[in-house]
Structures are given as structure tokens and as C-alpha cells.
C-alpha atoms as a PDB file:
ATOM      1  CA  MET A   1     -21.159  -1.738   6.577  1.00  0.00           C
ATOM      2  CA  ILE A   2     -17.697  -2.581   5.270  1.00  0.00           C
ATOM      3  CA  THR A   3     -15.245  -3.581   7.990  1.00  0.00           C
ATOM      4  CA  VAL A   4     -11.462  -3.363   7.573  1.00  0.00           C
ATOM      5  CA  SER A   5      -8.971  -4.624  10.114  1.00  0.00           C
ATOM      6  CA  ALA A   6      -6.069  -2.400  11.115  1.00  0.00           C
ATOM      7  CA  PHE A   7      -3.439  -2.376  13.827  1.00  0.00           C
ATOM      8  CA  ARG A   8      -4.294  -0.574  17.027  1.00  0.00           C
ATOM      9  CA  TRP A   9      -0.697   0.610  17.373  1.00  0.00           C
ATOM     10  CA  VAL A  10       2.610   0.280  15.537  1.00  0.00           C
ATOM     11  CA  PRO A  11       6.048   1.851  16.108  1.00  0.00           C
ATOM     12  CA  PRO A  12       6.502   5.351  14.634  1.00  0.00           C
ATOM     13  CA  PHE A  13       8.895   4.213  11.884  1.00  0.00           C
ATOM     14  CA  VAL A  14       6.190   2.162  10.150  1.00  0.00           C
ATOM     15  CA  ARG A  15       3.249   4.503  10.633  1.00  0.00           C
ATOM     16  CA  GLY A  16       1.836   5.611   7.307  1.00  0.00           C
ATOM     17  CA  ILE A  17       2.998   2.525   5.426  1.00  0.00           C
ATOM     18  CA  VAL A  18       0.900  -0.229   7.048  1.00  0.00           C
ATOM     19  CA  ARG A  19      -1.080  -1.821   4.245  1.00  0.00           C
ATOM     20  CA  ASP A  20      -4.573  -1.076   5.500  1.00  0.00           C
ATOM     21  CA  LEU A  21      -3.795   2.422   4.174  1.00  0.00           C
ATOM     22  CA  ARG A  22      -4.245   1.044   0.648  1.00  0.00           C
ATOM     23  CA  VAL A  23      -7.715  -0.223   1.413  1.00  0.00           C
ATOM     24  CA  ARG A  24      -8.749   2.929   3.272  1.00  0.00           C
ATOM     25  CA  TRP A  25      -7.593   5.037   0.316  1.00  0.00           C
ATOM     26  CA  ALA A  26      -9.496   2.891  -2.189  1.00  0.00           C
ATOM     27  CA  LEU A  27     -12.669   3.085  -0.118  1.00  0.00           C
ATOM     28  CA  GLU A  28     -12.360   6.858   0.182  1.00  0.00           C
ATOM     29  CA  GLU A  29     -11.887   7.211  -3.583  1.00  0.00           C
ATOM     30  CA  ALA A  30     -14.878   4.948  -4.231  1.00  0.00           C
ATOM     31  CA  GLY A  31     -17.023   6.839  -1.735  1.00  0.00           C
ATOM     32  CA  LEU A  32     -17.773   3.688   0.263  1.00  0.00           C
ATOM     33  CA  PRO A  33     -18.237   4.107   4.018  1.00  0.00           C
ATOM     34  CA  TYR A  34     -16.430   1.684   6.283  1.00  0.00           C
ATOM     35  CA  THR A  35     -15.482   1.001   9.855  1.00  0.00           C
ATOM     36  CA  THR A  36     -12.205  -0.319  11.234  1.00  0.00           C
ATOM     37  CA  LYS A  37     -11.680  -3.255  13.549  1.00  0.00           C
ATOM     38  CA  LEU A  38      -8.492  -2.458  15.443  1.00  0.00           C
ATOM     39  CA  ILE A  39      -6.390  -5.420  16.513  1.00  0.00           C
ATOM     40  CA  GLY A  40      -3.329  -6.050  18.639  1.00  0.00           C
ATOM     41  CA  PRO A  41      -0.835  -8.892  19.146  1.00  0.00           C
ATOM     42  CA  GLN A  42      -3.306 -11.068  21.029  1.00  0.00           C
ATOM     43  CA  ASP A  43      -5.890 -10.701  18.281  1.00  0.00           C
ATOM     44  CA  GLN A  44      -3.320 -11.654  15.655  1.00  0.00           C
ATOM     45  CA  THR A  45      -2.871 -15.091  17.176  1.00  0.00           C
ATOM     46  CA  SER A  46      -6.506 -15.738  18.035  1.00  0.00           C
ATOM     47  CA  VAL A  47      -8.440 -18.497  16.288  1.00  0.00           C
ATOM     48  CA  GLU A  48     -11.207 -16.046  15.423  1.00  0.00           C
ATOM     49  CA  TYR A  49      -8.906 -13.616  13.632  1.00  0.00           C
ATOM     50  CA  ARG A  50      -6.895 -16.343  11.913  1.00  0.00           C
ATOM     51  CA  GLU A  51     -10.110 -17.598  10.366  1.00  0.00           C
ATOM     52  CA  TRP A  52     -10.475 -14.143   8.814  1.00  0.00           C
ATOM     53  CA  GLN A  53      -6.791 -13.482   8.068  1.00  0.00           C
ATOM     54  CA  PRO A  54      -4.809 -16.776   8.070  1.00  0.00           C
ATOM     55  CA  PHE A  55      -1.448 -15.027   8.567  1.00  0.00           C
ATOM     56  CA  GLY A  56      -2.557 -12.722  11.357  1.00  0.00           C
ATOM     57  CA  GLN A  57      -1.748  -9.582   9.399  1.00  0.00           C
ATOM     58  CA  VAL A  58      -3.761  -6.572   8.247  1.00  0.00           C
ATOM     59  CA  PRO A  59      -5.821  -5.656   6.400  1.00  0.00           C
ATOM     60  CA  ALA A  60      -8.717  -8.061   6.294  1.00  0.00           C
ATOM     61  CA  PHE A  61     -12.026  -7.077   4.711  1.00  0.00           C
ATOM     62  CA  SER A  62     -15.637  -8.018   5.382  1.00  0.00           C
ATOM     63  CA  HIS A  63     -18.863  -6.897   3.694  1.00  0.00           C
ATOM     64  CA  ASP A  64     -22.186  -8.639   3.162  1.00  0.00           C
ATOM     65  CA  GLY A  65     -20.753 -12.089   3.678  1.00  0.00           C
ATOM     66  CA  VAL A  66     -17.648 -11.441   1.574  1.00  0.00           C
ATOM     67  CA  GLU A  67     -14.479 -11.911   3.608  1.00  0.00           C
ATOM     68  CA  MET A  68     -11.071 -11.220   2.106  1.00  0.00           C
ATOM     69  CA  PHE A  69      -7.442 -10.718   3.003  1.00  0.00           C
ATOM     70  CA  GLU A  70      -4.396  -9.451   1.064  1.00  0.00           C
ATOM     71  CA  SER A  71      -4.427  -5.732   0.339  1.00  0.00           C
ATOM     72  CA  GLY A  72      -4.040  -6.122  -3.423  1.00  0.00           C
ATOM     73  CA  ALA A  73      -7.002  -8.463  -3.699  1.00  0.00           C
ATOM     74  CA  ILE A  74      -9.119  -6.170  -1.538  1.00  0.00           C
ATOM     75  CA  VAL A  75      -8.253  -3.058  -3.541  1.00  0.00           C
ATOM     76  CA  LEU A  76      -9.030  -4.912  -6.774  1.00  0.00           C
ATOM     77  CA  HIS A  77     -12.382  -6.006  -5.318  1.00  0.00           C
ATOM     78  CA  ILE A  78     -13.230  -2.413  -4.400  1.00  0.00           C
ATOM     79  CA  ALA A  79     -12.101  -1.166  -7.812  1.00  0.00           C
ATOM     80  CA  GLU A  80     -14.401  -3.564  -9.588  1.00  0.00           C
ATOM     81  CA  GLN A  81     -17.299  -1.775  -7.903  1.00  0.00           C
ATOM     82  CA  SER A  82     -16.184   1.754  -8.744  1.00  0.00           C
ATOM     83  CA  GLU A  83     -15.552   3.464 -12.079  1.00  0.00           C
ATOM     84  CA  ALA A  84     -13.458   5.958 -10.139  1.00  0.00           C
ATOM     85  CA  LEU A  85     -10.890   3.189  -9.712  1.00  0.00           C
ATOM     86  CA  MET A  86     -11.497   0.861 -12.669  1.00  0.00           C
ATOM     87  CA  PRO A  87     -12.893   1.799 -16.088  1.00  0.00           C
ATOM     88  CA  LYS A  88     -15.622  -0.327 -17.616  1.00  0.00           C
ATOM     89  CA  ASP A  89     -14.065  -0.800 -21.050  1.00  0.00           C
ATOM     90  CA  ALA A  90     -11.953  -3.900 -21.569  1.00  0.00           C
ATOM     91  CA  VAL A  91      -8.813  -2.041 -22.664  1.00  0.00           C
ATOM     92  CA  GLY A  92      -8.917   0.315 -19.705  1.00  0.00           C
ATOM     93  CA  ARG A  93      -9.573  -2.497 -17.230  1.00  0.00           C
ATOM     94  CA  ALA A  94      -6.698  -4.529 -18.616  1.00  0.00           C
ATOM     95  CA  ARG A  95      -4.278  -1.634 -18.218  1.00  0.00           C
ATOM     96  CA  VAL A  96      -5.331  -0.962 -14.631  1.00  0.00           C
ATOM     97  CA  GLN A  97      -5.183  -4.651 -13.713  1.00  0.00           C
ATOM     98  CA  THR A  98      -1.750  -5.027 -15.291  1.00  0.00           C
ATOM     99  CA  TRP A  99      -0.240  -2.080 -13.452  1.00  0.00           C
ATOM    100  CA  LEU A 100      -1.908  -3.063 -10.204  1.00  0.00           C
ATOM    101  CA  ILE A 101      -0.214  -6.463 -10.364  1.00  0.00           C
ATOM    102  CA  ALA A 102       3.049  -4.872 -11.512  1.00  0.00           C
ATOM    103  CA  ALA A 103       3.111  -2.755  -8.368  1.00  0.00           C
ATOM    104  CA  LEU A 104       2.814  -5.889  -6.247  1.00  0.00           C
ATOM    105  CA  ASN A 105       4.994  -8.251  -8.302  1.00  0.00           C
ATOM    106  CA  SER A 106       7.618  -6.149 -10.092  1.00  0.00           C
ATOM    107  CA  ILE A 107       8.152  -3.274  -7.657  1.00  0.00           C
ATOM    108  CA  GLU A 108       7.126  -4.252  -4.138  1.00  0.00           C
ATOM    109  CA  PRO A 109       9.346  -7.334  -3.570  1.00  0.00           C
ATOM    110  CA  ALA A 110      12.538  -5.357  -4.211  1.00  0.00           C
ATOM    111  CA  VAL A 111      11.314  -2.318  -2.303  1.00  0.00           C
ATOM    112  CA  GLN A 112      10.243  -4.470   0.626  1.00  0.00           C
ATOM    113  CA  GLN A 113      13.590  -6.227   0.753  1.00  0.00           C
ATOM    114  CA  LEU A 114      15.461  -2.925   0.901  1.00  0.00           C
ATOM    115  CA  THR A 115      13.079  -1.528   3.500  1.00  0.00           C
ATOM    116  CA  GLU A 116      13.448  -4.578   5.723  1.00  0.00           C
ATOM    117  CA  ILE A 117      17.235  -4.336   5.547  1.00  0.00           C
ATOM    118  CA  ASP A 118      17.196  -0.677   6.540  1.00  0.00           C
ATOM    119  CA  LEU A 119      14.512  -0.801   9.210  1.00  0.00           C
ATOM    120  CA  PHE A 120      15.112  -4.182  10.798  1.00  0.00           C
ATOM    121  CA  HIS A 121      18.616  -5.443   9.925  1.00  0.00           C
ATOM    122  CA  SER A 122      20.760  -2.354   9.444  1.00  0.00           C
ATOM    123  CA  ASP A 123      23.347  -3.539  12.011  1.00  0.00           C
ATOM    124  CA  ALA A 124      23.621  -7.064  10.658  1.00  0.00           C
ATOM    125  CA  GLU A 125      26.958  -7.959   9.117  1.00  0.00           C
ATOM    126  CA  TRP A 126      25.402  -9.647   6.072  1.00  0.00           C
ATOM    127  CA  THR A 127      23.740  -6.417   4.948  1.00  0.00           C
ATOM    128  CA  LYS A 128      27.087  -4.779   4.128  1.00  0.00           C
ATOM    129  CA  GLN A 129      27.414  -6.892   1.006  1.00  0.00           C
ATOM    130  CA  ARG A 130      23.748  -7.492   0.246  1.00  0.00           C
ATOM    131  CA  ARG A 131      22.305  -3.992   0.589  1.00  0.00           C
ATOM    132  CA  PRO A 132      24.179  -2.351  -2.357  1.00  0.00           C
ATOM    133  CA  GLN A 133      22.938  -5.110  -4.646  1.00  0.00           C
ATOM    134  CA  VAL A 134      19.347  -4.703  -3.480  1.00  0.00           C
ATOM    135  CA  GLU A 135      19.465  -0.916  -3.813  1.00  0.00           C
ATOM    136  CA  GLU A 136      20.841  -1.167  -7.331  1.00  0.00           C
ATOM    137  CA  PHE A 137      18.034  -3.521  -8.304  1.00  0.00           C
ATOM    138  CA  VAL A 138      15.452  -1.121  -6.866  1.00  0.00           C
ATOM    139  CA  LYS A 139      16.981   1.693  -8.919  1.00  0.00           C
ATOM    140  CA  ARG A 140      16.678  -0.388 -12.082  1.00  0.00           C
ATOM    141  CA  ARG A 141      13.028  -1.027 -11.322  1.00  0.00           C
ATOM    142  CA  LEU A 142      12.434   2.675 -10.678  1.00  0.00           C
ATOM    143  CA  PHE A 143      14.156   3.602 -13.932  1.00  0.00           C
ATOM    144  CA  ALA A 144      11.890   1.200 -15.817  1.00  0.00           C
ATOM    145  CA  LEU A 145       8.840   2.641 -14.062  1.00  0.00           C
ATOM    146  CA  ALA A 146       9.877   6.219 -14.835  1.00  0.00           C
ATOM    147  CA  THR A 147      10.496   5.330 -18.465  1.00  0.00           C
ATOM    148  CA  SER A 148       7.103   3.713 -18.846  1.00  0.00           C
ATOM    149  CA  LEU A 149       5.289   6.487 -17.009  1.00  0.00           C
ATOM    150  CA  GLY A 150       6.863   9.100 -19.258  1.00  0.00           C
ATOM    151  CA  GLU A 151       4.854  12.306 -19.225  1.00  0.00           C
ATOM    152  CA  ARG A 152       1.577  10.677 -18.188  1.00  0.00           C
ATOM    153  CA  GLU A 153       0.013  11.830 -14.948  1.00  0.00           C
ATOM    154  CA  TYR A 154      -1.077   8.322 -13.958  1.00  0.00           C
ATOM    155  CA  LEU A 155      -0.355   4.710 -14.882  1.00  0.00           C
ATOM    156  CA  ALA A 156      -3.616   4.444 -16.825  1.00  0.00           C
ATOM    157  CA  ASP A 157      -5.587   7.157 -18.610  1.00  0.00           C
ATOM    158  CA  HIS A 158      -6.933   8.410 -15.285  1.00  0.00           C
ATOM    159  CA  PHE A 159      -6.213   7.895 -11.612  1.00  0.00           C
ATOM    160  CA  SER A 160      -7.048   4.301 -10.715  1.00  0.00           C
ATOM    161  CA  ALA A 161      -6.565   1.464  -8.267  1.00  0.00           C
ATOM    162  CA  ALA A 162      -3.199   0.813  -9.890  1.00  0.00           C
ATOM    163  CA  ASP A 163      -1.955   4.180  -8.659  1.00  0.00           C
ATOM    164  CA  ILE A 164      -3.096   3.403  -5.118  1.00  0.00           C
ATOM    165  CA  LEU A 165      -1.040   0.224  -5.080  1.00  0.00           C
ATOM    166  CA  MET A 166       2.002   1.751  -6.772  1.00  0.00           C
ATOM    167  CA  VAL A 167       2.187   4.848  -4.604  1.00  0.00           C
ATOM    168  CA  THR A 168       1.698   2.959  -1.350  1.00  0.00           C
ATOM    169  CA  VAL A 169       4.467   0.568  -2.399  1.00  0.00           C
ATOM    170  CA  LEU A 170       6.803   3.479  -3.170  1.00  0.00           C
ATOM    171  CA  ARG A 171       6.029   5.086   0.198  1.00  0.00           C
ATOM    172  CA  ASN A 172       8.109   2.336   1.755  1.00  0.00           C
ATOM    173  CA  LEU A 173      11.163   4.157   0.375  1.00  0.00           C
ATOM    174  CA  ARG A 174      10.359   7.381   2.212  1.00  0.00           C
ATOM    175  CA  HIS A 175      13.390   6.996   4.501  1.00  0.00           C
ATOM    176  CA  LEU A 176      15.664   7.252   1.441  1.00  0.00           C
ATOM    177  CA  ASP A 177      16.138   9.674  -1.449  1.00  0.00           C
ATOM    178  CA  LEU A 178      15.685   7.029  -4.160  1.00  0.00           C
ATOM    179  CA  VAL A 179      12.311   8.271  -5.396  1.00  0.00           C
ATOM    180  CA  ALA A 180      13.607  11.841  -5.520  1.00  0.00           C
ATOM    181  CA  GLN A 181      16.335  10.659  -7.907  1.00  0.00           C
ATOM    182  CA  PHE A 182      13.595  10.078 -10.472  1.00  0.00           C
ATOM    183  CA  PRO A 183      11.731  13.400 -10.906  1.00  0.00           C
ATOM    184  CA  THR A 184       8.994  11.793 -12.971  1.00  0.00           C
ATOM    185  CA  ILE A 185       8.172   9.341 -10.192  1.00  0.00           C
ATOM    186  CA  LYS A 186       8.541  11.966  -7.472  1.00  0.00           C
ATOM    187  CA  ALA A 187       6.044  14.245  -9.226  1.00  0.00           C
ATOM    188  CA  TYR A 188       3.730  11.282  -9.789  1.00  0.00           C
ATOM    189  CA  CYS A 189       3.757  10.327  -6.097  1.00  0.00           C
ATOM    190  CA  ASP A 190       3.266  13.934  -4.990  1.00  0.00           C
ATOM    191  CA  ARG A 191       0.318  14.254  -7.373  1.00  0.00           C
ATOM    192  CA  CYS A 192      -1.363  11.139  -6.004  1.00  0.00           C
ATOM    193  CA  GLU A 193      -0.670  11.933  -2.366  1.00  0.00           C
ATOM    194  CA  ALA A 194      -2.183  15.394  -2.828  1.00  0.00           C
ATOM    195  CA  ARG A 195      -5.588  13.821  -3.429  1.00  0.00           C
ATOM    196  CA  PRO A 196      -8.090  14.511  -0.613  1.00  0.00           C
ATOM    197  CA  SER A 197      -8.937  10.819  -0.341  1.00  0.00           C
ATOM    198  CA  PHE A 198      -5.319   9.907   0.368  1.00  0.00           C
ATOM    199  CA  LYS A 199      -5.014  12.632   2.977  1.00  0.00           C
ATOM    200  CA  LYS A 200      -8.186  11.438   4.671  1.00  0.00           C
ATOM    201  CA  ALA A 201      -7.067   7.799   4.668  1.00  0.00           C
ATOM    202  CA  LEU A 202      -3.641   8.673   6.056  1.00  0.00           C
ATOM    203  CA  HIS A 203      -5.106  10.971   8.703  1.00  0.00           C
ATOM    204  CA  ASP A 204      -7.483   8.266   9.897  1.00  0.00           C
ATOM    205  CA  GLN A 205      -4.762   5.626  10.066  1.00  0.00           C
ATOM    206  CA  MET A 206      -2.458   7.903  12.028  1.00  0.00           C
ATOM    207  CA  ALA A 207      -5.292   8.927  14.352  1.00  0.00           C
ATOM    208  CA  ASP A 208      -5.848   5.305  15.333  1.00  0.00           C
ATOM    209  CA  PHE A 209      -2.246   5.004  16.474  1.00  0.00           C
ATOM    210  CA  VAL A 210      -2.392   8.220  18.502  1.00  0.00           C
ATOM    211  CA  GLU A 211      -5.657   7.268  20.162  1.00  0.00           C
ATOM    212  CA  ASN A 212      -4.489   3.771  21.096  1.00  0.00           C
ATOM    213  CA  PRO A 213      -1.041   3.975  22.728  1.00  0.00           C
ATOM    214  CA  PRO A 214       0.546   0.698  23.887  1.00  0.00           C
ATOM    215  CA  ALA A 215      -0.014  -0.391  27.450  1.00  0.00           C
ATOM    216  CA  ALA A 216       2.713   0.733  29.823  1.00  0.00           C
END
């Protein structure tokens, strides 16, 4: 059985964007059953968990002797086992792989920087000058994404692992109206998030948080 690590509990403002969601979604799309290993702060610093995930984060992945960390690598690994997420032909695979990495390298760093400013440093004096610059850069990235997406429904010919990574990256902007400023991207995200597999993955992640409240 596939095992995926996930946090037992997180504050409400980050629920639905923790990165094990990406792996859960990929597994649901691929039709691969899995179980979750829920961890807390003590687990994160334990020798046992650090041997699985060196940075103490989630998700980590284990199946038949294969142990992995980093959500992008795990999703790519799952995709390579499922035509639902990665086509077999060389051209199709190249397109999916390219967009999957683009989500992590060209979009996520800027999005993550803006999200961290807003969620963790909003009262800091330095953000008054830095935040407008970061937001403008995110907008330029979103414009480029919208232009490339054009009228296509997905990044590749069909829904793929690349869409899982891209949409979960863009979900980090849910506290803002930036995505809504680009109707093409907004429609794209809505289309992907309407998939039953996404809804199931999100429901299961949120259920873990509800069922495991922090100790008083």
C-alpha cells in the first residue's frame, strides 16, 4: 500500500494548500489506493521521520521500497505510472514534464513569496516596499501563463500531472483576487478543481484536520 505523510493539524489559513494535497490528487486521478501517515511537530524533528523526509516537511511517499520526498518529484513518479496523468508518446510526455517543472520553477517561487508576505509578515515594515514589487512580478507571470494557455482547456492536450502542480500552486493566491484578474486562468482553475478526484483529495485532507484538533 502507498503511504503518504501529511500533517495531523494546521492553522485554518493554510488548510487546503498543504502540499500533500498534490500527491493525494495525483493518486486519486491515477486510481491508486493509499493511506496517510499523519505527523505532528514532534514527528517532524524525529530521527525516524528525518530519514524519510530530511527537512521534516510533508509530503513524503513510500511504496514497495521506494521512498521519496518533494511533492513535485512524487507527482512525477505517480504520473509515470498512469496514462491518465502522463501520455506515453515522447512529444506528449515532454510537454507535461515541461509544464510540471514550469509550475514549480517559474510560477511557484513568486507565488510563494507573495503568500508568505501576506500570511506571515503582513505587519513587517519591510513589506511596505517589497510587496508591490513581488505582486507585480506575480502578475507578469500570470499574464505569461494566460497567454500561453490561450483557449486550451489544459496545459497539455489533456488533463495531466502538470495541471495538478499548476493549480495547486495557484491555490496559494486564494486570499487575493489576482487569479480572477485573468479570466482564462480563473476558468482553467475552476475546471480542474471541479474534477471529482480533486474534490475527494481536498475533502480527505480537510477531514484529517477536523478529526485531529491540537491538544489543549
